[in-house]
Amino acid sequence: MSSVAMALLLVSLATVESNNNPDAVSPNGNEVGILQITPIMVRDCNRIVGEERWDLDDRLDIIQSYEMAETFFDHYCKGASVEQMARCWNGGPRGHVKSSTEAYWIKVRAEMEARADARSN
C-alpha cells in the first residue's frame, strides 16, 4: 500500500473512531486516543516488534498511535485490501470475516471517499 493510501486510511479511521480527537476516551475508559486503542492492542504491538516500544500513554500521541496501527497492519494485514484492513482494525486480526464489522467499513469507506472527493476539487 502506498504511503498516501495508508495516510488516507489512518485519517479516515481516526475520524470514525474519535472525530480526530487525540484526547478521546471511550465511555468505558478502555479505548483511548485518536484511534481508540486498547491496552491489548498496545501489548500486541509491543509483542510484534519484540520490545516494549509503546506504553498506554502513547495512545494519546497521534504519531505513536499511527505507528501502532501500521505495526498492526504490517503484521496482520499483508496483502489485504483497504476494506479488510479497516475491518480488522475494528474487529481484530480476523475482523475482515466478521459480519459485525461491515457497518464500520461503510463508515470508513464513506469518510475515505469524502476525503478523496475533497482532495480532487
PDB file of N, CA and C in Angstrom:
ATOM      1  N   MET A   1       0.851  -1.174   0.000  1.00  0.00           N
ATOM      2  CA  MET A   1       0.000   0.000   0.000  1.00  0.00           C
ATOM      3  C   MET A   1       0.899   1.241   0.000  1.00  0.00           C
ATOM      4  N   SER A   2       0.531   2.198  -0.802  1.00  0.00           N
ATOM      5  CA  SER A   2       1.318   3.427  -0.860  1.00  0.00           C
ATOM      6  C   SER A   2       1.178   4.209   0.445  1.00  0.00           C
ATOM      7  N   SER A   3       2.120   5.085   0.671  1.00  0.00           N
ATOM      8  CA  SER A   3       2.060   5.893   1.887  1.00  0.00           C
ATOM      9  C   SER A   3       0.866   6.851   1.860  1.00  0.00           C
ATOM     10  N   VAL A   4       0.472   7.298   0.665  1.00  0.00           N
ATOM     11  CA  VAL A   4      -0.696   8.177   0.551  1.00  0.00           C
ATOM     12  C   VAL A   4      -1.964   7.403   0.906  1.00  0.00           C
ATOM     13  N   ALA A   5      -2.081   6.172   0.400  1.00  0.00           N
ATOM     14  CA  ALA A   5      -3.253   5.349   0.706  1.00  0.00           C
ATOM     15  C   ALA A   5      -3.307   5.018   2.192  1.00  0.00           C
ATOM     16  N   MET A   6      -2.148   4.738   2.790  1.00  0.00           N
ATOM     17  CA  MET A   6      -2.117   4.450   4.227  1.00  0.00           C
ATOM     18  C   MET A   6      -2.527   5.685   5.022  1.00  0.00           C
ATOM     19  N   ALA A   7      -2.043   6.840   4.629  1.00  0.00           N
ATOM     20  CA  ALA A   7      -2.408   8.080   5.324  1.00  0.00           C
ATOM     21  C   ALA A   7      -3.914   8.323   5.226  1.00  0.00           C
ATOM     22  N   LEU A   8      -4.489   8.078   4.054  1.00  0.00           N
ATOM     23  CA  LEU A   8      -5.931   8.251   3.875  1.00  0.00           C
ATOM     24  C   LEU A   8      -6.695   7.278   4.763  1.00  0.00           C
ATOM     25  N   LEU A   9      -6.247   6.039   4.821  1.00  0.00           N
ATOM     26  CA  LEU A   9      -6.898   5.053   5.692  1.00  0.00           C
ATOM     27  C   LEU A   9      -6.801   5.488   7.152  1.00  0.00           C
ATOM     28  N   LEU A  10      -5.620   5.865   7.602  1.00  0.00           N
ATOM     29  CA  LEU A  10      -5.430   6.220   9.009  1.00  0.00           C
ATOM     30  C   LEU A  10      -6.260   7.436   9.419  1.00  0.00           C
ATOM     31  N   VAL A  11      -6.268   8.472   8.593  1.00  0.00           N
ATOM     32  CA  VAL A  11      -7.040   9.662   8.964  1.00  0.00           C
ATOM     33  C   VAL A  11      -8.535   9.361   8.907  1.00  0.00           C
ATOM     34  N   SER A  12      -8.947   8.489   8.021  1.00  0.00           N
ATOM     35  CA  SER A  12     -10.358   8.103   7.966  1.00  0.00           C
ATOM     36  C   SER A  12     -10.739   7.265   9.178  1.00  0.00           C
ATOM     37  N   LEU A  13      -9.867   6.359   9.581  1.00  0.00           N
ATOM     38  CA  LEU A  13     -10.114   5.591  10.811  1.00  0.00           C
ATOM     39  C   LEU A  13     -10.213   6.534  12.007  1.00  0.00           C
ATOM     40  N   ALA A  14      -9.311   7.509  12.065  1.00  0.00           N
ATOM     41  CA  ALA A  14      -9.312   8.463  13.180  1.00  0.00           C
ATOM     42  C   ALA A  14     -10.605   9.263  13.229  1.00  0.00           C
ATOM     43  N   THR A  15     -11.117   9.621  12.078  1.00  0.00           N
ATOM     44  CA  THR A  15     -12.373  10.371  12.035  1.00  0.00           C
ATOM     45  C   THR A  15     -13.516   9.519  12.558  1.00  0.00           C
ATOM     46  N   VAL A  16     -13.582   8.280  12.105  1.00  0.00           N
ATOM     47  CA  VAL A  16     -14.653   7.380  12.542  1.00  0.00           C
ATOM     48  C   VAL A  16     -14.502   7.038  14.026  1.00  0.00           C
ATOM     49  N   GLU A  17     -13.285   6.780  14.462  1.00  0.00           N
ATOM     50  CA  GLU A  17     -13.047   6.349  15.842  1.00  0.00           C
ATOM     51  C   GLU A  17     -13.255   7.463  16.870  1.00  0.00           C
ATOM     52  N   SER A  18     -12.736   8.658  16.573  1.00  0.00           N
ATOM     53  CA  SER A  18     -12.702   9.700  17.618  1.00  0.00           C
ATOM     54  C   SER A  18     -13.037  11.097  17.118  1.00  0.00           C
ATOM     55  N   ASN A  19     -13.471  11.191  15.874  1.00  0.00           N
ATOM     56  CA  ASN A  19     -13.650  12.507  15.257  1.00  0.00           C
ATOM     57  C   ASN A  19     -12.346  13.312  15.324  1.00  0.00           C
ATOM     58  N   ASN A  20     -11.242  12.591  15.149  1.00  0.00           N
ATOM     59  CA  ASN A  20      -9.881  13.164  15.133  1.00  0.00           C
ATOM     60  C   ASN A  20      -9.478  13.830  16.438  1.00  0.00           C
ATOM     61  N   ASN A  21      -9.967  13.299  17.534  1.00  0.00           N
ATOM     62  CA  ASN A  21      -9.644  13.846  18.855  1.00  0.00           C
ATOM     63  C   ASN A  21      -8.591  12.959  19.526  1.00  0.00           C
ATOM     64  N   PRO A  22      -7.346  13.424  19.623  1.00  0.00           N
ATOM     65  CA  PRO A  22      -6.302  12.600  20.231  1.00  0.00           C
ATOM     66  C   PRO A  22      -6.497  12.375  21.735  1.00  0.00           C
ATOM     67  N   ASP A  23      -7.373  13.157  22.357  1.00  0.00           N
ATOM     68  CA  ASP A  23      -7.629  13.007  23.790  1.00  0.00           C
ATOM     69  C   ASP A  23      -8.901  12.212  24.079  1.00  0.00           C
ATOM     70  N   ALA A  24      -9.504  11.625  23.054  1.00  0.00           N
ATOM     71  CA  ALA A  24     -10.766  10.901  23.224  1.00  0.00           C
ATOM     72  C   ALA A  24     -10.573   9.665  24.110  1.00  0.00           C
ATOM     73  N   VAL A  25     -11.562   9.449  24.960  1.00  0.00           N
ATOM     74  CA  VAL A  25     -11.597   8.259  25.817  1.00  0.00           C
ATOM     75  C   VAL A  25     -13.006   7.684  25.703  1.00  0.00           C
ATOM     76  N   SER A  26     -13.097   6.391  25.468  1.00  0.00           N
ATOM     77  CA  SER A  26     -14.404   5.752  25.345  1.00  0.00           C
ATOM     78  C   SER A  26     -15.140   5.798  26.678  1.00  0.00           C
ATOM     79  N   PRO A  27     -16.457   5.647  26.662  1.00  0.00           N
ATOM     80  CA  PRO A  27     -17.222   5.684  27.909  1.00  0.00           C
ATOM     81  C   PRO A  27     -16.734   4.683  28.965  1.00  0.00           C
ATOM     82  N   ASN A  28     -16.240   3.525  28.520  1.00  0.00           N
ATOM     83  CA  ASN A  28     -15.752   2.540  29.493  1.00  0.00           C
ATOM     84  C   ASN A  28     -14.293   2.764  29.879  1.00  0.00           C
ATOM     85  N   GLY A  29     -13.636   3.739  29.232  1.00  0.00           N
ATOM     86  CA  GLY A  29     -12.254   4.076  29.555  1.00  0.00           C
ATOM     87  C   GLY A  29     -11.211   3.148  28.974  1.00  0.00           C
ATOM     88  N   ASN A  30     -11.626   2.137  28.230  1.00  0.00           N
ATOM     89  CA  ASN A  30     -10.690   1.145  27.701  1.00  0.00           C
ATOM     90  C   ASN A  30     -10.028   1.588  26.398  1.00  0.00           C
ATOM     91  N   GLU A  31     -10.768   2.279  25.547  1.00  0.00           N
ATOM     92  CA  GLU A  31     -10.254   2.741  24.268  1.00  0.00           C
ATOM     93  C   GLU A  31      -9.880   4.208  24.400  1.00  0.00           C
ATOM     94  N   VAL A  32      -8.647   4.528  23.967  1.00  0.00           N
ATOM     95  CA  VAL A  32      -8.111   5.867  24.201  1.00  0.00           C
ATOM     96  C   VAL A  32      -7.424   6.385  22.948  1.00  0.00           C
ATOM     97  N   GLY A  33      -7.550   7.690  22.737  1.00  0.00           N
ATOM     98  CA  GLY A  33      -6.784   8.369  21.702  1.00  0.00           C
ATOM     99  C   GLY A  33      -7.489   8.463  20.367  1.00  0.00           C
ATOM    100  N   ILE A  34      -6.777   9.011  19.430  1.00  0.00           N
ATOM    101  CA  ILE A  34      -7.328   9.295  18.109  1.00  0.00           C
ATOM    102  C   ILE A  34      -7.815   8.044  17.397  1.00  0.00           C
ATOM    103  N   LEU A  35      -7.180   6.907  17.658  1.00  0.00           N
ATOM    104  CA  LEU A  35      -7.593   5.651  17.040  1.00  0.00           C
ATOM    105  C   LEU A  35      -8.286   4.703  18.014  1.00  0.00           C
ATOM    106  N   GLN A  36      -8.576   5.195  19.225  1.00  0.00           N
ATOM    107  CA  GLN A  36      -9.284   4.407  20.234  1.00  0.00           C
ATOM    108  C   GLN A  36      -8.600   3.049  20.459  1.00  0.00           C
ATOM    109  N   ILE A  37      -7.340   3.117  20.833  1.00  0.00           N
ATOM    110  CA  ILE A  37      -6.505   1.932  21.027  1.00  0.00           C
ATOM    111  C   ILE A  37      -6.709   1.374  22.426  1.00  0.00           C
ATOM    112  N   THR A  38      -6.811   0.048  22.493  1.00  0.00           N
ATOM    113  CA  THR A  38      -6.999  -0.650  23.762  1.00  0.00           C
ATOM    114  C   THR A  38      -5.652  -1.050  24.362  1.00  0.00           C
ATOM    115  N   PRO A  39      -5.635  -1.353  25.659  1.00  0.00           N
ATOM    116  CA  PRO A  39      -4.397  -1.872  26.256  1.00  0.00           C
ATOM    117  C   PRO A  39      -3.923  -3.166  25.581  1.00  0.00           C
ATOM    118  N   ILE A  40      -4.848  -3.997  25.172  1.00  0.00           N
ATOM    119  CA  ILE A  40      -4.466  -5.252  24.494  1.00  0.00           C
ATOM    120  C   ILE A  40      -3.728  -4.949  23.195  1.00  0.00           C
ATOM    121  N   MET A  41      -4.178  -3.932  22.467  1.00  0.00           N
ATOM    122  CA  MET A  41      -3.511  -3.554  21.218  1.00  0.00           C
ATOM    123  C   MET A  41      -2.093  -3.069  21.490  1.00  0.00           C
ATOM    124  N   VAL A  42      -1.900  -2.290  22.536  1.00  0.00           N
ATOM    125  CA  VAL A  42      -0.555  -1.824  22.889  1.00  0.00           C
ATOM    126  C   VAL A  42       0.337  -3.024  23.180  1.00  0.00           C
ATOM    127  N   ARG A  43      -0.150  -3.956  23.990  1.00  0.00           N
ATOM    128  CA  ARG A  43       0.641  -5.158  24.304  1.00  0.00           C
ATOM    129  C   ARG A  43       0.953  -5.960  23.049  1.00  0.00           C
ATOM    130  N   ASP A  44      -0.036  -6.113  22.164  1.00  0.00           N
ATOM    131  CA  ASP A  44       0.178  -6.895  20.949  1.00  0.00           C
ATOM    132  C   ASP A  44       1.204  -6.229  20.037  1.00  0.00           C
ATOM    133  N   CYS A  45       1.133  -4.923  19.895  1.00  0.00           N
ATOM    134  CA  CYS A  45       2.118  -4.231  19.061  1.00  0.00           C
ATOM    135  C   CYS A  45       3.523  -4.370  19.637  1.00  0.00           C
ATOM    136  N   ASN A  46       3.655  -4.277  20.952  1.00  0.00           N
ATOM    137  CA  ASN A  46       4.964  -4.492  21.578  1.00  0.00           C
ATOM    138  C   ASN A  46       5.453  -5.920  21.336  1.00  0.00           C
ATOM    139  N   ARG A  47       4.544  -6.885  21.404  1.00  0.00           N
ATOM    140  CA  ARG A  47       4.916  -8.278  21.136  1.00  0.00           C
ATOM    141  C   ARG A  47       5.390  -8.420  19.694  1.00  0.00           C
ATOM    142  N   ILE A  48       4.681  -7.786  18.763  1.00  0.00           N
ATOM    143  CA  ILE A  48       5.026  -7.879  17.343  1.00  0.00           C
ATOM    144  C   ILE A  48       6.433  -7.346  17.091  1.00  0.00           C
ATOM    145  N   VAL A  49       6.777  -6.202  17.687  1.00  0.00           N
ATOM    146  CA  VAL A  49       8.103  -5.609  17.443  1.00  0.00           C
ATOM    147  C   VAL A  49       9.180  -6.198  18.335  1.00  0.00           C
ATOM    148  N   GLY A  50       8.778  -6.990  19.328  1.00  0.00           N
ATOM    149  CA  GLY A  50       9.747  -7.671  20.174  1.00  0.00           C
ATOM    150  C   GLY A  50      10.398  -6.814  21.233  1.00  0.00           C
ATOM    151  N   GLU A  51       9.756  -5.709  21.589  1.00  0.00           N
ATOM    152  CA  GLU A  51      10.276  -4.842  22.644  1.00  0.00           C
ATOM    153  C   GLU A  51       9.142  -3.991  23.198  1.00  0.00           C
ATOM    154  N   GLU A  52       9.378  -3.390  24.346  1.00  0.00           N
ATOM    155  CA  GLU A  52       8.383  -2.505  24.970  1.00  0.00           C
ATOM    156  C   GLU A  52       8.530  -1.112  24.394  1.00  0.00           C
ATOM    157  N   ARG A  53       8.115  -0.941  23.161  1.00  0.00           N
ATOM    158  CA  ARG A  53       8.252   0.337  22.460  1.00  0.00           C
ATOM    159  C   ARG A  53       7.188   1.344  22.892  1.00  0.00           C
ATOM    160  N   TRP A  54       5.974   0.863  23.169  1.00  0.00           N
ATOM    161  CA  TRP A  54       4.862   1.752  23.496  1.00  0.00           C
ATOM    162  C   TRP A  54       4.316   1.446  24.876  1.00  0.00           C
ATOM    163  N   ASP A  55       3.801   2.485  25.533  1.00  0.00           N
ATOM    164  CA  ASP A  55       3.068   2.282  26.786  1.00  0.00           C
ATOM    165  C   ASP A  55       1.671   2.865  26.609  1.00  0.00           C
ATOM    166  N   LEU A  56       0.847   2.733  27.614  1.00  0.00           N
ATOM    167  CA  LEU A  56      -0.543   3.157  27.486  1.00  0.00           C
ATOM    168  C   LEU A  56      -0.689   4.647  27.197  1.00  0.00           C
ATOM    169  N   ASP A  57       0.214   5.466  27.700  1.00  0.00           N
ATOM    170  CA  ASP A  57       0.146   6.907  27.442  1.00  0.00           C
ATOM    171  C   ASP A  57       0.371   7.241  25.970  1.00  0.00           C
ATOM    172  N   ASP A  58       1.062   6.371  25.247  1.00  0.00           N
ATOM    173  CA  ASP A  58       1.327   6.622  23.831  1.00  0.00           C
ATOM    174  C   ASP A  58       0.056   6.618  22.991  1.00  0.00           C
ATOM    175  N   ARG A  59      -1.025   6.096  23.531  1.00  0.00           N
ATOM    176  CA  ARG A  59      -2.299   6.122  22.811  1.00  0.00           C
ATOM    177  C   ARG A  59      -2.805   7.554  22.626  1.00  0.00           C
ATOM    178  N   LEU A  60      -2.328   8.469  23.470  1.00  0.00           N
ATOM    179  CA  LEU A  60      -2.724   9.878  23.382  1.00  0.00           C
ATOM    180  C   LEU A  60      -1.858  10.678  22.407  1.00  0.00           C
ATOM    181  N   ASP A  61      -0.852  10.053  21.864  1.00  0.00           N
ATOM    182  CA  ASP A  61       0.057  10.685  20.918  1.00  0.00           C
ATOM    183  C   ASP A  61      -0.325  10.243  19.503  1.00  0.00           C
ATOM    184  N   ILE A  62      -0.623  11.198  18.646  1.00  0.00           N
ATOM    185  CA  ILE A  62      -1.089  10.868  17.296  1.00  0.00           C
ATOM    186  C   ILE A  62      -0.066  10.030  16.543  1.00  0.00           C
ATOM    187  N   ILE A  63       1.179  10.449  16.542  1.00  0.00           N
ATOM    188  CA  ILE A  63       2.221   9.737  15.794  1.00  0.00           C
ATOM    189  C   ILE A  63       2.397   8.324  16.327  1.00  0.00           C
ATOM    190  N   GLN A  64       2.462   8.178  17.645  1.00  0.00           N
ATOM    191  CA  GLN A  64       2.623   6.846  18.241  1.00  0.00           C
ATOM    192  C   GLN A  64       1.414   5.966  17.926  1.00  0.00           C
ATOM    193  N   SER A  65       0.228   6.550  17.935  1.00  0.00           N
ATOM    194  CA  SER A  65      -0.981   5.794  17.606  1.00  0.00           C
ATOM    195  C   SER A  65      -0.929   5.303  16.168  1.00  0.00           C
ATOM    196  N   TYR A  66      -0.535   6.189  15.248  1.00  0.00           N
ATOM    197  CA  TYR A  66      -0.432   5.776  13.849  1.00  0.00           C
ATOM    198  C   TYR A  66       0.643   4.702  13.670  1.00  0.00           C
ATOM    199  N   GLU A  67       1.738   4.806  14.411  1.00  0.00           N
ATOM    200  CA  GLU A  67       2.787   3.784  14.312  1.00  0.00           C
ATOM    201  C   GLU A  67       2.287   2.434  14.814  1.00  0.00           C
ATOM    202  N   MET A  68       1.492   2.433  15.887  1.00  0.00           N
ATOM    203  CA  MET A  68       0.923   1.168  16.361  1.00  0.00           C
ATOM    204  C   MET A  68      -0.023   0.583  15.323  1.00  0.00           C
ATOM    205  N   ALA A  69      -0.828   1.439  14.700  1.00  0.00           N
ATOM    206  CA  ALA A  69      -1.743   0.954  13.671  1.00  0.00           C
ATOM    207  C   ALA A  69      -0.972   0.349  12.499  1.00  0.00           C
ATOM    208  N   GLU A  70       0.067   1.026  12.058  1.00  0.00           N
ATOM    209  CA  GLU A  70       0.868   0.499  10.953  1.00  0.00           C
ATOM    210  C   GLU A  70       1.547  -0.815  11.337  1.00  0.00           C
ATOM    211  N   THR A  71       1.991  -0.933  12.580  1.00  0.00           N
ATOM    212  CA  THR A  71       2.575  -2.189  13.058  1.00  0.00           C
ATOM    213  C   THR A  71       1.543  -3.307  12.994  1.00  0.00           C
ATOM    214  N   PHE A  72       0.340  -3.016  13.464  1.00  0.00           N
ATOM    215  CA  PHE A  72      -0.761  -3.980  13.405  1.00  0.00           C
ATOM    216  C   PHE A  72      -1.024  -4.399  11.963  1.00  0.00           C
ATOM    217  N   PHE A  73      -1.156  -3.418  11.067  1.00  0.00           N
ATOM    218  CA  PHE A  73      -1.454  -3.725   9.669  1.00  0.00           C
ATOM    219  C   PHE A  73      -0.328  -4.511   9.009  1.00  0.00           C
ATOM    220  N   ASP A  74       0.911  -4.117   9.256  1.00  0.00           N
ATOM    221  CA  ASP A  74       2.047  -4.833   8.668  1.00  0.00           C
ATOM    222  C   ASP A  74       2.080  -6.293   9.105  1.00  0.00           C
ATOM    223  N   HIS A  75       1.660  -6.534  10.330  1.00  0.00           N
ATOM    224  CA  HIS A  75       1.718  -7.897  10.867  1.00  0.00           C
ATOM    225  C   HIS A  75       0.516  -8.747  10.442  1.00  0.00           C
ATOM    226  N   TYR A  76      -0.668  -8.194  10.559  1.00  0.00           N
ATOM    227  CA  TYR A  76      -1.887  -8.983  10.353  1.00  0.00           C
ATOM    228  C   TYR A  76      -2.519  -8.825   8.978  1.00  0.00           C
ATOM    229  N   CYS A  77      -2.134  -7.824   8.225  1.00  0.00           N
ATOM    230  CA  CYS A  77      -2.885  -7.490   7.010  1.00  0.00           C
ATOM    231  C   CYS A  77      -2.030  -7.468   5.746  1.00  0.00           C
ATOM    232  N   LYS A  78      -1.005  -8.277   5.689  1.00  0.00           N
ATOM    233  CA  LYS A  78      -0.173  -8.324   4.480  1.00  0.00           C
ATOM    234  C   LYS A  78      -1.041  -8.747   3.289  1.00  0.00           C
ATOM    235  N   GLY A  79      -1.017  -7.946   2.241  1.00  0.00           N
ATOM    236  CA  GLY A  79      -1.779  -8.258   1.041  1.00  0.00           C
ATOM    237  C   GLY A  79      -3.278  -8.017   1.161  1.00  0.00           C
ATOM    238  N   ALA A  80      -3.706  -7.438   2.257  1.00  0.00           N
ATOM    239  CA  ALA A  80      -5.137  -7.201   2.481  1.00  0.00           C
ATOM    240  C   ALA A  80      -5.604  -5.962   1.725  1.00  0.00           C
ATOM    241  N   SER A  81      -6.878  -5.940   1.431  1.00  0.00           N
ATOM    242  CA  SER A  81      -7.485  -4.751   0.829  1.00  0.00           C
ATOM    243  C   SER A  81      -7.689  -3.700   1.916  1.00  0.00           C
ATOM    244  N   VAL A  82      -7.991  -2.500   1.489  1.00  0.00           N
ATOM    245  CA  VAL A  82      -8.276  -1.432   2.443  1.00  0.00           C
ATOM    246  C   VAL A  82      -9.488  -1.817   3.292  1.00  0.00           C
ATOM    247  N   GLU A  83     -10.485  -2.394   2.671  1.00  0.00           N
ATOM    248  CA  GLU A  83     -11.654  -2.842   3.429  1.00  0.00           C
ATOM    249  C   GLU A  83     -11.267  -3.853   4.499  1.00  0.00           C
ATOM    250  N   GLN A  84     -10.479  -4.835   4.138  1.00  0.00           N
ATOM    251  CA  GLN A  84     -10.055  -5.847   5.109  1.00  0.00           C
ATOM    252  C   GLN A  84      -9.264  -5.214   6.245  1.00  0.00           C
ATOM    253  N   MET A  85      -8.419  -4.249   5.922  1.00  0.00           N
ATOM    254  CA  MET A  85      -7.628  -3.592   6.955  1.00  0.00           C
ATOM    255  C   MET A  85      -8.527  -2.826   7.925  1.00  0.00           C
ATOM    256  N   ALA A  86      -9.466  -2.065   7.396  1.00  0.00           N
ATOM    257  CA  ALA A  86     -10.373  -1.303   8.259  1.00  0.00           C
ATOM    258  C   ALA A  86     -11.191  -2.236   9.139  1.00  0.00           C
ATOM    259  N   ARG A  87     -11.679  -3.313   8.566  1.00  0.00           N
ATOM    260  CA  ARG A  87     -12.497  -4.248   9.336  1.00  0.00           C
ATOM    261  C   ARG A  87     -11.663  -4.966  10.398  1.00  0.00           C
ATOM    262  N   CYS A  88     -10.406  -5.238  10.103  1.00  0.00           N
ATOM    263  CA  CYS A  88      -9.519  -5.825  11.115  1.00  0.00           C
ATOM    264  C   CYS A  88      -9.245  -4.836  12.237  1.00  0.00           C
ATOM    265  N   TRP A  89      -9.113  -3.566  11.891  1.00  0.00           N
ATOM    266  CA  TRP A  89      -8.898  -2.556  12.932  1.00  0.00           C
ATOM    267  C   TRP A  89     -10.072  -2.560  13.906  1.00  0.00           C
ATOM    268  N   ASN A  90     -11.255  -2.723  13.378  1.00  0.00           N
ATOM    269  CA  ASN A  90     -12.463  -2.716  14.199  1.00  0.00           C
ATOM    270  C   ASN A  90     -12.688  -4.030  14.926  1.00  0.00           C
ATOM    271  N   GLY A  91     -12.354  -5.140  14.286  1.00  0.00           N
ATOM    272  CA  GLY A  91     -12.730  -6.436  14.840  1.00  0.00           C
ATOM    273  C   GLY A  91     -11.594  -7.371  15.175  1.00  0.00           C
ATOM    274  N   GLY A  92     -10.358  -6.880  15.119  1.00  0.00           N
ATOM    275  CA  GLY A  92      -9.215  -7.730  15.432  1.00  0.00           C
ATOM    276  C   GLY A  92      -8.687  -8.450  14.200  1.00  0.00           C
ATOM    277  N   PRO A  93      -7.656  -9.252  14.371  1.00  0.00           N
ATOM    278  CA  PRO A  93      -6.990  -9.886  13.232  1.00  0.00           C
ATOM    279  C   PRO A  93      -7.915 -10.654  12.284  1.00  0.00           C
ATOM    280  N   ARG A  94      -9.030 -11.151  12.767  1.00  0.00           N
ATOM    281  CA  ARG A  94      -9.989 -11.850  11.910  1.00  0.00           C
ATOM    282  C   ARG A  94     -11.230 -10.999  11.647  1.00  0.00           C
ATOM    283  N   GLY A  95     -11.128  -9.704  11.897  1.00  0.00           N
ATOM    284  CA  GLY A  95     -12.257  -8.800  11.736  1.00  0.00           C
ATOM    285  C   GLY A  95     -12.800  -8.737  10.329  1.00  0.00           C
ATOM    286  N   HIS A  96     -11.937  -9.002   9.349  1.00  0.00           N
ATOM    287  CA  HIS A  96     -12.378  -8.912   7.956  1.00  0.00           C
ATOM    288  C   HIS A  96     -13.411  -9.971   7.585  1.00  0.00           C
ATOM    289  N   VAL A  97     -13.586 -10.989   8.411  1.00  0.00           N
ATOM    290  CA  VAL A  97     -14.581 -12.026   8.123  1.00  0.00           C
ATOM    291  C   VAL A  97     -15.791 -11.942   9.057  1.00  0.00           C
ATOM    292  N   LYS A  98     -15.782 -10.982   9.959  1.00  0.00           N
ATOM    293  CA  LYS A  98     -16.885 -10.837  10.907  1.00  0.00           C
ATOM    294  C   LYS A  98     -17.956  -9.917  10.328  1.00  0.00           C
ATOM    295  N   SER A  99     -19.186 -10.383  10.326  1.00  0.00           N
ATOM    296  CA  SER A  99     -20.274  -9.541   9.812  1.00  0.00           C
ATOM    297  C   SER A  99     -20.456  -8.289  10.672  1.00  0.00           C
ATOM    298  N   SER A 100     -20.043  -8.361  11.916  1.00  0.00           N
ATOM    299  CA  SER A 100     -20.193  -7.219  12.827  1.00  0.00           C
ATOM    300  C   SER A 100     -19.333  -6.022  12.427  1.00  0.00           C
ATOM    301  N   THR A 101     -18.373  -6.205  11.522  1.00  0.00           N
ATOM    302  CA  THR A 101     -17.502  -5.096  11.108  1.00  0.00           C
ATOM    303  C   THR A 101     -17.953  -4.460   9.793  1.00  0.00           C
ATOM    304  N   GLU A 102     -19.002  -4.977   9.198  1.00  0.00           N
ATOM    305  CA  GLU A 102     -19.456  -4.446   7.907  1.00  0.00           C
ATOM    306  C   GLU A 102     -19.926  -2.995   8.010  1.00  0.00           C
ATOM    307  N   ALA A 103     -20.704  -2.671   9.032  1.00  0.00           N
ATOM    308  CA  ALA A 103     -21.193  -1.297   9.199  1.00  0.00           C
ATOM    309  C   ALA A 103     -20.034  -0.333   9.443  1.00  0.00           C
ATOM    310  N   TYR A 104     -19.029  -0.788  10.181  1.00  0.00           N
ATOM    311  CA  TYR A 104     -17.842   0.034  10.423  1.00  0.00           C
ATOM    312  C   TYR A 104     -17.163   0.359   9.092  1.00  0.00           C
ATOM    313  N   TRP A 105     -17.007  -0.648   8.245  1.00  0.00           N
ATOM    314  CA  TRP A 105     -16.379  -0.426   6.951  1.00  0.00           C
ATOM    315  C   TRP A 105     -17.159   0.592   6.125  1.00  0.00           C
ATOM    316  N   ILE A 106     -18.474   0.549   6.169  1.00  0.00           N
ATOM    317  CA  ILE A 106     -19.285   1.511   5.423  1.00  0.00           C
ATOM    318  C   ILE A 106     -18.968   2.937   5.872  1.00  0.00           C
ATOM    319  N   LYS A 107     -18.797   3.137   7.177  1.00  0.00           N
ATOM    320  CA  LYS A 107     -18.450   4.470   7.695  1.00  0.00           C
ATOM    321  C   LYS A 107     -17.056   4.895   7.236  1.00  0.00           C
ATOM    322  N   VAL A 108     -16.096   3.976   7.322  1.00  0.00           N
ATOM    323  CA  VAL A 108     -14.721   4.302   6.920  1.00  0.00           C
ATOM    324  C   VAL A 108     -14.662   4.587   5.421  1.00  0.00           C
ATOM    325  N   ARG A 109     -15.325   3.753   4.632  1.00  0.00           N
ATOM    326  CA  ARG A 109     -15.325   3.954   3.180  1.00  0.00           C
ATOM    327  C   ARG A 109     -15.932   5.314   2.822  1.00  0.00           C
ATOM    328  N   ALA A 110     -17.030   5.677   3.470  1.00  0.00           N
ATOM    329  CA  ALA A 110     -17.650   6.978   3.206  1.00  0.00           C
ATOM    330  C   ALA A 110     -16.695   8.117   3.541  1.00  0.00           C
ATOM    331  N   GLU A 111     -15.990   7.996   4.638  1.00  0.00           N
ATOM    332  CA  GLU A 111     -15.018   9.021   5.030  1.00  0.00           C
ATOM    333  C   GLU A 111     -13.878   9.095   4.025  1.00  0.00           C
ATOM    334  N   MET A 112     -13.384   7.951   3.584  1.00  0.00           N
ATOM    335  CA  MET A 112     -12.305   7.926   2.592  1.00  0.00           C
ATOM    336  C   MET A 112     -12.762   8.561   1.292  1.00  0.00           C
ATOM    337  N   GLU A 113     -13.970   8.239   0.859  1.00  0.00           N
ATOM    338  CA  GLU A 113     -14.497   8.795  -0.375  1.00  0.00           C
ATOM    339  C   GLU A 113     -14.680  10.308  -0.273  1.00  0.00           C
ATOM    340  N   ALA A 114     -15.185  10.775   0.867  1.00  0.00           N
ATOM    341  CA  ALA A 114     -15.358  12.214   1.060  1.00  0.00           C
ATOM    342  C   ALA A 114     -14.017  12.934   1.024  1.00  0.00           C
ATOM    343  N   ARG A 115     -13.005  12.350   1.624  1.00  0.00           N
ATOM    344  CA  ARG A 115     -11.682  12.980   1.623  1.00  0.00           C
ATOM    345  C   ARG A 115     -11.066  12.965   0.227  1.00  0.00           C
ATOM    346  N   ALA A 116     -11.261  11.884  -0.493  1.00  0.00           N
ATOM    347  CA  ALA A 116     -10.735  11.798  -1.874  1.00  0.00           C
ATOM    348  C   ALA A 116     -11.438  12.811  -2.766  1.00  0.00           C
ATOM    349  N   ASP A 117     -12.752  12.951  -2.594  1.00  0.00           N
ATOM    350  CA  ASP A 117     -13.519  13.928  -3.377  1.00  0.00           C
ATOM    351  C   ASP A 117     -13.054  15.343  -3.066  1.00  0.00           C
ATOM    352  N   ALA A 118     -12.864  15.650  -1.786  1.00  0.00           N
ATOM    353  CA  ALA A 118     -12.426  16.991  -1.384  1.00  0.00           C
ATOM    354  C   ALA A 118     -11.032  17.296  -1.935  1.00  0.00           C
ATOM    355  N   ARG A 119     -10.203  16.280  -1.986  1.00  0.00           N
ATOM    356  CA  ARG A 119      -8.837  16.476  -2.479  1.00  0.00           C
ATOM    357  C   ARG A 119      -8.814  16.744  -3.978  1.00  0.00           C
ATOM    358  N   SER A 120      -9.763  16.136  -4.706  1.00  0.00           N
ATOM    359  CA  SER A 120      -9.777  16.295  -6.169  1.00  0.00           C
ATOM    360  C   SER A 120     -10.458  17.600  -6.602  1.00  0.00           C
ATOM    361  N   ASN A 121     -11.143  18.265  -5.679  1.00  0.00           N
ATOM    362  CA  ASN A 121     -11.829  19.531  -6.027  1.00  0.00           C
ATOM    363  C   ASN A 121     -10.955  20.721  -5.769  1.00  0.00           C
TER     364      ASN A 121
END
